[in-house]
Amino acid sequence: MSTARNASPLAQLGDPQADGGDDQLAALTELVIRSLCERNPGFRELLERKDGAQVTRLIADVLRAGRPLPATVRAVRLATGTDLHLVAAALGDCLVSLPDGAPGLLIPGALADGEEGRARLKGVLRHRAAAVGHAVPPQDAAASVRAASRLLELAARCDGPAAGVAFVDDHLSSLLLLQDESLTRTLIARRLRPLAGLSPERCARLEATLLAWLGGMGAPEVAKALSIHPQTVRYRMRQLEKLFGARLRDPRARFEIELALRGRRLMAGTHRRRAAASRRPRPSRLRQSVAGP
């Protein structure tokens, strides 16, 4: 990890260089590793799968520099690893993924806090497809990595002028709904069964109306949002009342119907983006190597 911003000495653990030399540094490093293994079984697996000595040296370097780990961290997942070292250098305080792993970074959570932090991060990642995870304690970094990876997968973006940075914090409900697509499909089949026999066009119209109505809109607001006449909204709602009956007056059923509607919309959008991404022409490896960074 490079030099941290606003870092302070690990006073509570003492100064390894001044007080105990190499013996104290080794003891502190062992303590940190043991603590991480106890709090996160995945860290022990990482040590066993990867180069444990490299991880140990990294922790020792942090302690030797007299600087603590940040209070929170965020994962940054990238569609490609092109010039990843330049991104890391621009950010200044981060860990870089291993060469044989999925391209990404681990940054202090504060780097993406607020509008100013987001703007700086977007500037560094300009023209790159990336997803930024939620802020978590360092020992829970794997959760931020999973969320950022899932968001990048759902966005189905590629590097280029149209690429952008997505933040997990802005898509929490979507990620929860799409965390298990099988469960979401089951919910859709159960709660939207009254619409099953309708034509796709009629189904789409009623779904849009119902979703807006469940969001707390009255007929005038729904009409404005959907660019239709208020009387059309009332007509559609009478149809929906006949189809769903008392379920539209049951709070739990209404909640699950709204989840199902949003889940269906999210899954349809995800499938469209994936299909579009699969049709994009990809530059050959030869062309990339000749063009350079």
C-alpha atoms as a PDB file:
ATOM      1  CA  MET A   1       0.000   0.000   0.000  1.00  0.00           C
ATOM      2  CA  SER A   2       1.333   3.415  -0.896  1.00  0.00           C
ATOM      3  CA  THR A   3       1.593   6.331   1.507  1.00  0.00           C
ATOM      4  CA  ALA A   4      -1.802   7.030   3.083  1.00  0.00           C
ATOM      5  CA  ARG A   5      -3.502  10.404   3.152  1.00  0.00           C
ATOM      6  CA  ASN A   6      -4.150  11.888   6.593  1.00  0.00           C
ATOM      7  CA  ALA A   7      -2.474   8.881   8.210  1.00  0.00           C
ATOM      8  CA  SER A   8      -1.291   8.892  11.807  1.00  0.00           C
ATOM      9  CA  PRO A   9       1.228   6.698  13.710  1.00  0.00           C
ATOM     10  CA  LEU A  10       0.052   3.470  15.323  1.00  0.00           C
ATOM     11  CA  ALA A  11       0.654   4.923  18.768  1.00  0.00           C
ATOM     12  CA  GLN A  12      -1.440   2.324  20.505  1.00  0.00           C
ATOM     13  CA  LEU A  13       0.855  -0.424  19.195  1.00  0.00           C
ATOM     14  CA  GLY A  14       4.123   1.428  19.666  1.00  0.00           C
ATOM     15  CA  ASP A  15       6.740   2.366  17.106  1.00  0.00           C
ATOM     16  CA  PRO A  16       8.290  -0.819  15.620  1.00  0.00           C
ATOM     17  CA  GLN A  17      11.372   1.023  14.397  1.00  0.00           C
ATOM     18  CA  ALA A  18      12.117   2.948  17.571  1.00  0.00           C
ATOM     19  CA  ASP A  19      11.189   0.533  20.327  1.00  0.00           C
ATOM     20  CA  GLY A  20      11.436  -3.090  19.368  1.00  0.00           C
ATOM     21  CA  GLY A  21      13.170  -3.365  16.024  1.00  0.00           C
ATOM     22  CA  ASP A  22      12.639  -6.454  13.919  1.00  0.00           C
ATOM     23  CA  ASP A  23      11.385  -8.611  16.807  1.00  0.00           C
ATOM     24  CA  GLN A  24       8.529  -6.254  17.628  1.00  0.00           C
ATOM     25  CA  LEU A  25       7.706  -5.813  13.960  1.00  0.00           C
ATOM     26  CA  ALA A  26       7.487  -9.595  13.504  1.00  0.00           C
ATOM     27  CA  ALA A  27       5.284  -9.902  16.596  1.00  0.00           C
ATOM     28  CA  LEU A  28       2.961  -7.146  15.417  1.00  0.00           C
ATOM     29  CA  THR A  29       2.749  -8.670  11.932  1.00  0.00           C
ATOM     30  CA  GLU A  30       1.866 -12.071  13.399  1.00  0.00           C
ATOM     31  CA  LEU A  31      -0.773 -10.448  15.598  1.00  0.00           C
ATOM     32  CA  VAL A  32      -2.398  -8.705  12.632  1.00  0.00           C
ATOM     33  CA  ILE A  33      -2.405 -11.897  10.534  1.00  0.00           C
ATOM     34  CA  ARG A  34      -3.853 -13.955  13.380  1.00  0.00           C
ATOM     35  CA  SER A  35      -6.568 -11.363  13.973  1.00  0.00           C
ATOM     36  CA  LEU A  36      -7.505 -11.231  10.288  1.00  0.00           C
ATOM     37  CA  CYS A  37      -7.650 -15.025  10.073  1.00  0.00           C
ATOM     38  CA  GLU A  38      -9.891 -15.235  13.131  1.00  0.00           C
ATOM     39  CA  ARG A  39     -12.285 -12.540  11.938  1.00  0.00           C
ATOM     40  CA  ASN A  40     -12.395 -13.560   8.280  1.00  0.00           C
ATOM     41  CA  PRO A  41     -11.961 -17.231   7.258  1.00  0.00           C
ATOM     42  CA  GLY A  42     -11.548 -16.067   3.676  1.00  0.00           C
ATOM     43  CA  PHE A  43      -8.271 -14.391   4.603  1.00  0.00           C
ATOM     44  CA  ARG A  44      -6.823 -17.711   5.777  1.00  0.00           C
ATOM     45  CA  GLU A  45      -7.869 -19.273   2.455  1.00  0.00           C
ATOM     46  CA  LEU A  46      -6.139 -16.405   0.642  1.00  0.00           C
ATOM     47  CA  LEU A  47      -2.921 -17.121   2.511  1.00  0.00           C
ATOM     48  CA  GLU A  48      -3.119 -20.789   1.601  1.00  0.00           C
ATOM     49  CA  ARG A  49      -3.978 -20.232  -2.081  1.00  0.00           C
ATOM     50  CA  LYS A  50      -1.672 -17.308  -2.808  1.00  0.00           C
ATOM     51  CA  ASP A  51       1.810 -16.280  -1.733  1.00  0.00           C
ATOM     52  CA  GLY A  52       1.513 -16.002   2.042  1.00  0.00           C
ATOM     53  CA  ALA A  53       4.979 -14.469   2.281  1.00  0.00           C
ATOM     54  CA  GLN A  54       3.912 -11.631  -0.023  1.00  0.00           C
ATOM     55  CA  VAL A  55       0.910 -10.837   2.186  1.00  0.00           C
ATOM     56  CA  THR A  56       3.100 -10.975   5.292  1.00  0.00           C
ATOM     57  CA  ARG A  57       5.608  -8.560   3.730  1.00  0.00           C
ATOM     58  CA  LEU A  58       2.776  -6.184   2.803  1.00  0.00           C
ATOM     59  CA  ILE A  59       1.455  -6.090   6.372  1.00  0.00           C
ATOM     60  CA  ALA A  60       4.977  -5.630   7.717  1.00  0.00           C
ATOM     61  CA  ASP A  61       5.552  -2.732   5.318  1.00  0.00           C
ATOM     62  CA  VAL A  62       2.391  -1.019   6.558  1.00  0.00           C
ATOM     63  CA  LEU A  63       3.467  -1.440  10.173  1.00  0.00           C
ATOM     64  CA  ARG A  64       7.015  -0.385   9.409  1.00  0.00           C
ATOM     65  CA  ALA A  65       5.733   2.825   7.878  1.00  0.00           C
ATOM     66  CA  GLY A  66       3.943   3.518  11.158  1.00  0.00           C
ATOM     67  CA  ARG A  67       0.599   4.001   9.416  1.00  0.00           C
ATOM     68  CA  PRO A  68      -2.720   2.288  10.202  1.00  0.00           C
ATOM     69  CA  LEU A  69      -5.108   0.663   7.822  1.00  0.00           C
ATOM     70  CA  PRO A  70      -8.045   2.930   6.895  1.00  0.00           C
ATOM     71  CA  ALA A  71     -11.207   2.657   8.968  1.00  0.00           C
ATOM     72  CA  THR A  72     -13.122   1.515   5.882  1.00  0.00           C
ATOM     73  CA  VAL A  73     -12.228   0.294   2.399  1.00  0.00           C
ATOM     74  CA  ARG A  74     -14.013   0.032  -0.947  1.00  0.00           C
ATOM     75  CA  ALA A  75     -13.393  -2.352  -3.805  1.00  0.00           C
ATOM     76  CA  VAL A  76     -13.083  -0.960  -7.321  1.00  0.00           C
ATOM     77  CA  ARG A  77     -13.673  -3.501 -10.083  1.00  0.00           C
ATOM     78  CA  LEU A  78     -12.630  -2.716 -13.651  1.00  0.00           C
ATOM     79  CA  ALA A  79     -13.753  -4.261 -16.929  1.00  0.00           C
ATOM     80  CA  THR A  80     -10.116  -4.477 -18.096  1.00  0.00           C
ATOM     81  CA  GLY A  81      -6.755  -4.219 -16.404  1.00  0.00           C
ATOM     82  CA  THR A  82      -5.225  -1.903 -19.015  1.00  0.00           C
ATOM     83  CA  ASP A  83      -2.761   0.495 -17.349  1.00  0.00           C
ATOM     84  CA  LEU A  84      -4.019  -0.543 -13.925  1.00  0.00           C
ATOM     85  CA  HIS A  85      -0.737   0.630 -12.387  1.00  0.00           C
ATOM     86  CA  LEU A  86      -1.386   4.161 -13.713  1.00  0.00           C
ATOM     87  CA  VAL A  87      -4.812   4.203 -12.074  1.00  0.00           C
ATOM     88  CA  ALA A  88      -3.249   3.055  -8.798  1.00  0.00           C
ATOM     89  CA  ALA A  89      -0.561   5.736  -9.028  1.00  0.00           C
ATOM     90  CA  ALA A  90      -3.175   8.443  -9.652  1.00  0.00           C
ATOM     91  CA  LEU A  91      -5.222   7.383  -6.635  1.00  0.00           C
ATOM     92  CA  GLY A  92      -2.101   7.138  -4.504  1.00  0.00           C
ATOM     93  CA  ASP A  93      -3.428   4.993  -1.655  1.00  0.00           C
ATOM     94  CA  CYS A  94      -4.648   1.580  -2.730  1.00  0.00           C
ATOM     95  CA  LEU A  95      -3.954  -2.103  -3.133  1.00  0.00           C
ATOM     96  CA  VAL A  96      -3.848  -3.580  -6.638  1.00  0.00           C
ATOM     97  CA  SER A  97      -5.229  -6.986  -7.593  1.00  0.00           C
ATOM     98  CA  LEU A  98      -2.827  -9.810  -8.370  1.00  0.00           C
ATOM     99  CA  PRO A  99      -1.832 -10.148 -12.055  1.00  0.00           C
ATOM    100  CA  ASP A 100      -3.749 -13.401 -12.512  1.00  0.00           C
ATOM    101  CA  GLY A 101      -6.883 -12.135 -10.783  1.00  0.00           C
ATOM    102  CA  ALA A 102      -9.827 -10.006 -11.883  1.00  0.00           C
ATOM    103  CA  PRO A 103      -8.613  -6.415 -12.369  1.00  0.00           C
ATOM    104  CA  GLY A 104      -9.431  -4.212  -9.419  1.00  0.00           C
ATOM    105  CA  LEU A 105      -8.287  -2.041  -6.553  1.00  0.00           C
ATOM    106  CA  LEU A 106      -8.912  -1.713  -2.843  1.00  0.00           C
ATOM    107  CA  ILE A 107      -9.090   1.924  -1.800  1.00  0.00           C
ATOM    108  CA  PRO A 108      -9.786   3.711   1.498  1.00  0.00           C
ATOM    109  CA  GLY A 109     -13.520   4.206   1.817  1.00  0.00           C
ATOM    110  CA  ALA A 110     -13.101   7.953   2.291  1.00  0.00           C
ATOM    111  CA  LEU A 111     -11.694   8.343  -1.235  1.00  0.00           C
ATOM    112  CA  ALA A 112     -15.203   7.946  -2.684  1.00  0.00           C
ATOM    113  CA  ASP A 113     -17.095   9.825   0.021  1.00  0.00           C
ATOM    114  CA  GLY A 114     -19.159  12.833  -0.962  1.00  0.00           C
ATOM    115  CA  GLU A 115     -19.528  14.569  -4.299  1.00  0.00           C
ATOM    116  CA  GLU A 116     -15.915  15.720  -4.330  1.00  0.00           C
ATOM    117  CA  GLY A 117     -14.574  12.213  -3.698  1.00  0.00           C
ATOM    118  CA  ARG A 118     -16.810  10.714  -6.385  1.00  0.00           C
ATOM    119  CA  ALA A 119     -15.843  13.389  -8.890  1.00  0.00           C
ATOM    120  CA  ARG A 120     -12.130  12.745  -8.329  1.00  0.00           C
ATOM    121  CA  LEU A 121     -12.580   8.991  -8.671  1.00  0.00           C
ATOM    122  CA  LYS A 122     -14.610   9.417 -11.861  1.00  0.00           C
ATOM    123  CA  GLY A 123     -11.882  11.633 -13.252  1.00  0.00           C
ATOM    124  CA  VAL A 124      -9.192   9.040 -12.581  1.00  0.00           C
ATOM    125  CA  LEU A 125     -11.365   6.285 -14.111  1.00  0.00           C
ATOM    126  CA  ARG A 126     -12.451   8.335 -17.131  1.00  0.00           C
ATOM    127  CA  HIS A 127     -13.265   6.187 -20.193  1.00  0.00           C
ATOM    128  CA  ARG A 128     -13.093   3.032 -18.057  1.00  0.00           C
ATOM    129  CA  ALA A 129     -15.979   0.760 -17.175  1.00  0.00           C
ATOM    130  CA  ALA A 130     -15.798   0.359 -13.407  1.00  0.00           C
ATOM    131  CA  ALA A 131     -17.906  -0.370 -10.343  1.00  0.00           C
ATOM    132  CA  VAL A 132     -17.133   0.966  -6.867  1.00  0.00           C
ATOM    133  CA  GLY A 133     -18.180  -1.115  -3.876  1.00  0.00           C
ATOM    134  CA  HIS A 134     -19.701   0.017  -0.597  1.00  0.00           C
ATOM    135  CA  ALA A 135     -17.504   1.078   2.336  1.00  0.00           C
ATOM    136  CA  VAL A 136     -16.787  -1.747   4.785  1.00  0.00           C
ATOM    137  CA  PRO A 137     -14.274  -2.436   7.565  1.00  0.00           C
ATOM    138  CA  PRO A 138     -10.999  -3.822   6.133  1.00  0.00           C
ATOM    139  CA  GLN A 139     -11.734  -7.340   7.387  1.00  0.00           C
ATOM    140  CA  ASP A 140     -14.976  -7.348   5.341  1.00  0.00           C
ATOM    141  CA  ALA A 141     -13.337  -6.224   2.083  1.00  0.00           C
ATOM    142  CA  ALA A 142     -14.485  -9.404   0.326  1.00  0.00           C
ATOM    143  CA  ALA A 143     -18.122  -8.251   0.638  1.00  0.00           C
ATOM    144  CA  SER A 144     -17.313  -4.988  -1.148  1.00  0.00           C
ATOM    145  CA  VAL A 145     -15.451  -6.935  -3.842  1.00  0.00           C
ATOM    146  CA  ARG A 146     -18.467  -9.211  -4.414  1.00  0.00           C
ATOM    147  CA  ALA A 147     -20.903  -6.308  -4.656  1.00  0.00           C
ATOM    148  CA  ALA A 148     -18.689  -4.314  -7.038  1.00  0.00           C
ATOM    149  CA  SER A 149     -18.109  -7.387  -9.208  1.00  0.00           C
ATOM    150  CA  ARG A 150     -21.834  -8.090  -9.402  1.00  0.00           C
ATOM    151  CA  LEU A 151     -22.640  -4.493 -10.296  1.00  0.00           C
ATOM    152  CA  LEU A 152     -20.003  -4.461 -13.028  1.00  0.00           C
ATOM    153  CA  GLU A 153     -21.438  -7.701 -14.410  1.00  0.00           C
ATOM    154  CA  LEU A 154     -24.980  -6.318 -14.398  1.00  0.00           C
ATOM    155  CA  ALA A 155     -23.910  -3.062 -16.030  1.00  0.00           C
ATOM    156  CA  ALA A 156     -22.273  -5.032 -18.886  1.00  0.00           C
ATOM    157  CA  ARG A 157     -20.169  -2.029 -19.864  1.00  0.00           C
ATOM    158  CA  CYS A 158     -16.959  -1.817 -21.865  1.00  0.00           C
ATOM    159  CA  ASP A 159     -14.107   0.680 -21.790  1.00  0.00           C
ATOM    160  CA  GLY A 160     -14.420   3.643 -24.118  1.00  0.00           C
ATOM    161  CA  PRO A 161     -15.839   7.179 -24.361  1.00  0.00           C
ATOM    162  CA  ALA A 162     -19.296   5.968 -23.283  1.00  0.00           C
ATOM    163  CA  ALA A 163     -17.955   4.034 -20.286  1.00  0.00           C
ATOM    164  CA  GLY A 164     -18.817   5.169 -16.803  1.00  0.00           C
ATOM    165  CA  VAL A 165     -18.358   4.483 -13.113  1.00  0.00           C
ATOM    166  CA  ALA A 166     -21.215   2.870 -11.182  1.00  0.00           C
ATOM    167  CA  PHE A 167     -21.434   2.996  -7.393  1.00  0.00           C
ATOM    168  CA  VAL A 168     -22.892   0.165  -5.328  1.00  0.00           C
ATOM    169  CA  ASP A 169     -24.323   2.774  -2.936  1.00  0.00           C
ATOM    170  CA  ASP A 170     -26.644   3.917  -5.751  1.00  0.00           C
ATOM    171  CA  HIS A 171     -27.891   0.413  -6.586  1.00  0.00           C
ATOM    172  CA  LEU A 172     -28.389  -1.318  -3.232  1.00  0.00           C
ATOM    173  CA  SER A 173     -32.019  -2.326  -3.795  1.00  0.00           C
ATOM    174  CA  SER A 174     -31.271  -3.529  -7.335  1.00  0.00           C
ATOM    175  CA  LEU A 175     -28.349  -5.658  -6.136  1.00  0.00           C
ATOM    176  CA  LEU A 176     -30.486  -7.138  -3.369  1.00  0.00           C
ATOM    177  CA  LEU A 177     -33.220  -8.036  -5.866  1.00  0.00           C
ATOM    178  CA  LEU A 178     -30.734  -9.547  -8.314  1.00  0.00           C
ATOM    179  CA  GLN A 179     -28.569 -11.253  -5.713  1.00  0.00           C
ATOM    180  CA  ASP A 180     -30.458 -14.471  -6.398  1.00  0.00           C
ATOM    181  CA  GLU A 181     -32.206 -14.343  -9.780  1.00  0.00           C
ATOM    182  CA  SER A 182     -33.854 -17.707  -9.157  1.00  0.00           C
ATOM    183  CA  LEU A 183     -35.641 -16.365  -6.078  1.00  0.00           C
ATOM    184  CA  THR A 184     -36.593 -13.208  -7.968  1.00  0.00           C
ATOM    185  CA  ARG A 185     -38.094 -15.274 -10.792  1.00  0.00           C
ATOM    186  CA  THR A 186     -40.056 -17.301  -8.219  1.00  0.00           C
ATOM    187  CA  LEU A 187     -41.391 -14.098  -6.663  1.00  0.00           C
ATOM    188  CA  ILE A 188     -42.364 -12.781 -10.106  1.00  0.00           C
ATOM    189  CA  ALA A 189     -44.164 -16.002 -11.018  1.00  0.00           C
ATOM    190  CA  ARG A 190     -46.057 -15.998  -7.720  1.00  0.00           C
ATOM    191  CA  ARG A 191     -47.032 -12.364  -7.358  1.00  0.00           C
ATOM    192  CA  LEU A 192     -47.577 -11.460 -11.031  1.00  0.00           C
ATOM    193  CA  ARG A 193     -49.517 -14.601 -11.917  1.00  0.00           C
ATOM    194  CA  PRO A 194     -52.753 -12.604 -12.538  1.00  0.00           C
ATOM    195  CA  LEU A 195     -51.023 -10.963 -15.524  1.00  0.00           C
ATOM    196  CA  ALA A 196     -49.820 -14.242 -17.034  1.00  0.00           C
ATOM    197  CA  GLY A 197     -52.617 -14.648 -19.589  1.00  0.00           C
ATOM    198  CA  LEU A 198     -52.399 -11.141 -21.047  1.00  0.00           C
ATOM    199  CA  SER A 199     -50.727 -10.108 -24.276  1.00  0.00           C
ATOM    200  CA  PRO A 200     -47.194  -8.676 -23.839  1.00  0.00           C
ATOM    201  CA  GLU A 201     -48.362  -5.186 -24.850  1.00  0.00           C
ATOM    202  CA  ARG A 202     -51.299  -5.123 -22.419  1.00  0.00           C
ATOM    203  CA  CYS A 203     -49.190  -6.658 -19.674  1.00  0.00           C
ATOM    204  CA  ALA A 204     -46.517  -3.979 -20.102  1.00  0.00           C
ATOM    205  CA  ARG A 205     -49.104  -1.179 -19.906  1.00  0.00           C
ATOM    206  CA  LEU A 206     -50.720  -2.554 -16.759  1.00  0.00           C
ATOM    207  CA  GLU A 207     -47.363  -3.245 -15.095  1.00  0.00           C
ATOM    208  CA  ALA A 208     -46.188   0.330 -15.686  1.00  0.00           C
ATOM    209  CA  THR A 209     -49.435   1.702 -14.282  1.00  0.00           C
ATOM    210  CA  LEU A 210     -49.412  -0.584 -11.258  1.00  0.00           C
ATOM    211  CA  LEU A 211     -45.783   0.152 -10.427  1.00  0.00           C
ATOM    212  CA  ALA A 212     -46.397   3.907 -10.509  1.00  0.00           C
ATOM    213  CA  TRP A 213     -49.548   3.512  -8.400  1.00  0.00           C
ATOM    214  CA  LEU A 214     -47.776   1.345  -5.822  1.00  0.00           C
ATOM    215  CA  GLY A 215     -45.158   4.099  -5.575  1.00  0.00           C
ATOM    216  CA  GLY A 216     -47.817   6.304  -3.994  1.00  0.00           C
ATOM    217  CA  MET A 217     -48.945   8.248  -7.045  1.00  0.00           C
ATOM    218  CA  GLY A 218     -52.529   9.248  -7.632  1.00  0.00           C
ATOM    219  CA  ALA A 219     -54.208   9.128 -11.027  1.00  0.00           C
ATOM    220  CA  PRO A 220     -53.002  12.622 -12.122  1.00  0.00           C
ATOM    221  CA  GLU A 221     -49.393  11.868 -11.150  1.00  0.00           C
ATOM    222  CA  VAL A 222     -49.447   8.444 -12.808  1.00  0.00           C
ATOM    223  CA  ALA A 223     -50.928   9.988 -15.947  1.00  0.00           C
ATOM    224  CA  LYS A 224     -48.190  12.620 -16.063  1.00  0.00           C
ATOM    225  CA  ALA A 225     -45.430  10.066 -15.454  1.00  0.00           C
ATOM    226  CA  LEU A 226     -46.731   7.741 -18.191  1.00  0.00           C
ATOM    227  CA  SER A 227     -47.892  10.510 -20.582  1.00  0.00           C
ATOM    228  CA  ILE A 228     -51.467   9.242 -20.664  1.00  0.00           C
ATOM    229  CA  HIS A 229     -54.876  10.672 -19.693  1.00  0.00           C
ATOM    230  CA  PRO A 230     -55.951  10.373 -16.011  1.00  0.00           C
ATOM    231  CA  GLN A 231     -59.110   8.601 -17.155  1.00  0.00           C
ATOM    232  CA  THR A 232     -56.911   5.946 -18.805  1.00  0.00           C
ATOM    233  CA  VAL A 233     -55.149   5.447 -15.476  1.00  0.00           C
ATOM    234  CA  ARG A 234     -58.475   4.943 -13.681  1.00  0.00           C
ATOM    235  CA  TYR A 235     -59.618   2.472 -16.339  1.00  0.00           C
ATOM    236  CA  ARG A 236     -56.393   0.463 -15.998  1.00  0.00           C
ATOM    237  CA  MET A 237     -56.636   0.479 -12.198  1.00  0.00           C
ATOM    238  CA  ARG A 238     -60.171  -0.955 -12.415  1.00  0.00           C
ATOM    239  CA  GLN A 239     -58.744  -3.724 -14.583  1.00  0.00           C
ATOM    240  CA  LEU A 240     -55.961  -4.350 -12.077  1.00  0.00           C
ATOM    241  CA  GLU A 241     -58.458  -4.459  -9.207  1.00  0.00           C
ATOM    242  CA  LYS A 242     -60.341  -7.202 -11.023  1.00  0.00           C
ATOM    243  CA  LEU A 243     -57.137  -9.149 -11.700  1.00  0.00           C
ATOM    244  CA  PHE A 244     -55.488  -8.847  -8.265  1.00  0.00           C
ATOM    245  CA  GLY A 245     -58.527  -8.377  -6.037  1.00  0.00           C
ATOM    246  CA  ALA A 246     -57.900  -8.031  -2.303  1.00  0.00           C
ATOM    247  CA  ARG A 247     -54.136  -8.469  -2.776  1.00  0.00           C
ATOM    248  CA  LEU A 248     -53.880  -4.793  -3.717  1.00  0.00           C
ATOM    249  CA  ARG A 249     -55.220  -3.910  -0.256  1.00  0.00           C
ATOM    250  CA  ASP A 250     -52.897  -6.225   1.676  1.00  0.00           C
ATOM    251  CA  PRO A 251     -49.657  -4.418   2.748  1.00  0.00           C
ATOM    252  CA  ARG A 252     -47.422  -7.497   2.472  1.00  0.00           C
ATOM    253  CA  ALA A 253     -48.874  -8.512  -0.898  1.00  0.00           C
ATOM    254  CA  ARG A 254     -48.496  -4.953  -2.216  1.00  0.00           C
ATOM    255  CA  PHE A 255     -44.857  -4.883  -1.099  1.00  0.00           C
ATOM    256  CA  GLU A 256     -44.084  -8.196  -2.782  1.00  0.00           C
ATOM    257  CA  ILE A 257     -45.947  -7.194  -5.950  1.00  0.00           C
ATOM    258  CA  GLU A 258     -43.822  -4.044  -6.156  1.00  0.00           C
ATOM    259  CA  LEU A 259     -40.658  -6.114  -5.606  1.00  0.00           C
ATOM    260  CA  ALA A 260     -41.754  -8.480  -8.368  1.00  0.00           C
ATOM    261  CA  LEU A 261     -42.471  -5.627 -10.782  1.00  0.00           C
ATOM    262  CA  ARG A 262     -39.120  -3.986 -10.092  1.00  0.00           C
ATOM    263  CA  GLY A 263     -37.340  -7.336 -10.280  1.00  0.00           C
ATOM    264  CA  ARG A 264     -38.879  -8.113 -13.675  1.00  0.00           C
ATOM    265  CA  ARG A 265     -37.890  -4.669 -14.988  1.00  0.00           C
ATOM    266  CA  LEU A 266     -34.334  -5.013 -13.654  1.00  0.00           C
ATOM    267  CA  MET A 267     -33.854  -8.489 -15.098  1.00  0.00           C
ATOM    268  CA  ALA A 268     -35.193  -7.407 -18.498  1.00  0.00           C
ATOM    269  CA  GLY A 269     -32.793  -4.453 -18.535  1.00  0.00           C
ATOM    270  CA  THR A 270     -29.881  -6.649 -17.499  1.00  0.00           C
ATOM    271  CA  HIS A 271     -30.592  -9.150 -20.263  1.00  0.00           C
ATOM    272  CA  ARG A 272     -30.797  -6.345 -22.846  1.00  0.00           C
ATOM    273  CA  ARG A 273     -27.452  -4.905 -21.751  1.00  0.00           C
ATOM    274  CA  ARG A 274     -25.807  -8.320 -21.830  1.00  0.00           C
ATOM    275  CA  ALA A 275     -27.150  -8.972 -25.312  1.00  0.00           C
ATOM    276  CA  ALA A 276     -25.926  -5.575 -26.509  1.00  0.00           C
ATOM    277  CA  ALA A 277     -22.509  -6.143 -24.972  1.00  0.00           C
ATOM    278  CA  SER A 278     -22.197  -9.540 -26.675  1.00  0.00           C
ATOM    279  CA  ARG A 279     -22.827  -7.885 -30.049  1.00  0.00           C
ATOM    280  CA  ARG A 280     -20.152  -5.218 -29.636  1.00  0.00           C
ATOM    281  CA  PRO A 281     -17.079  -5.766 -31.814  1.00  0.00           C
ATOM    282  CA  ARG A 282     -14.014  -6.533 -29.737  1.00  0.00           C
ATOM    283  CA  PRO A 283     -10.530  -5.436 -30.883  1.00  0.00           C
ATOM    284  CA  SER A 284      -8.137  -8.279 -31.503  1.00  0.00           C
ATOM    285  CA  ARG A 285      -5.291  -8.974 -29.097  1.00  0.00           C
ATOM    286  CA  LEU A 286      -2.826  -8.187 -31.892  1.00  0.00           C
ATOM    287  CA  ARG A 287      -4.356  -4.777 -32.468  1.00  0.00           C
ATOM    288  CA  GLN A 288      -4.303  -4.008 -28.757  1.00  0.00           C
ATOM    289  CA  SER A 289      -0.666  -4.959 -28.416  1.00  0.00           C
ATOM    290  CA  VAL A 290       0.349  -2.892 -31.429  1.00  0.00           C
ATOM    291  CA  ALA A 291      -1.653   0.137 -30.327  1.00  0.00           C
ATOM    292  CA  GLY A 292      -0.127   0.087 -26.857  1.00  0.00           C
ATOM    293  CA  PRO A 293      -1.554   1.912 -23.826  1.00  0.00           C
END
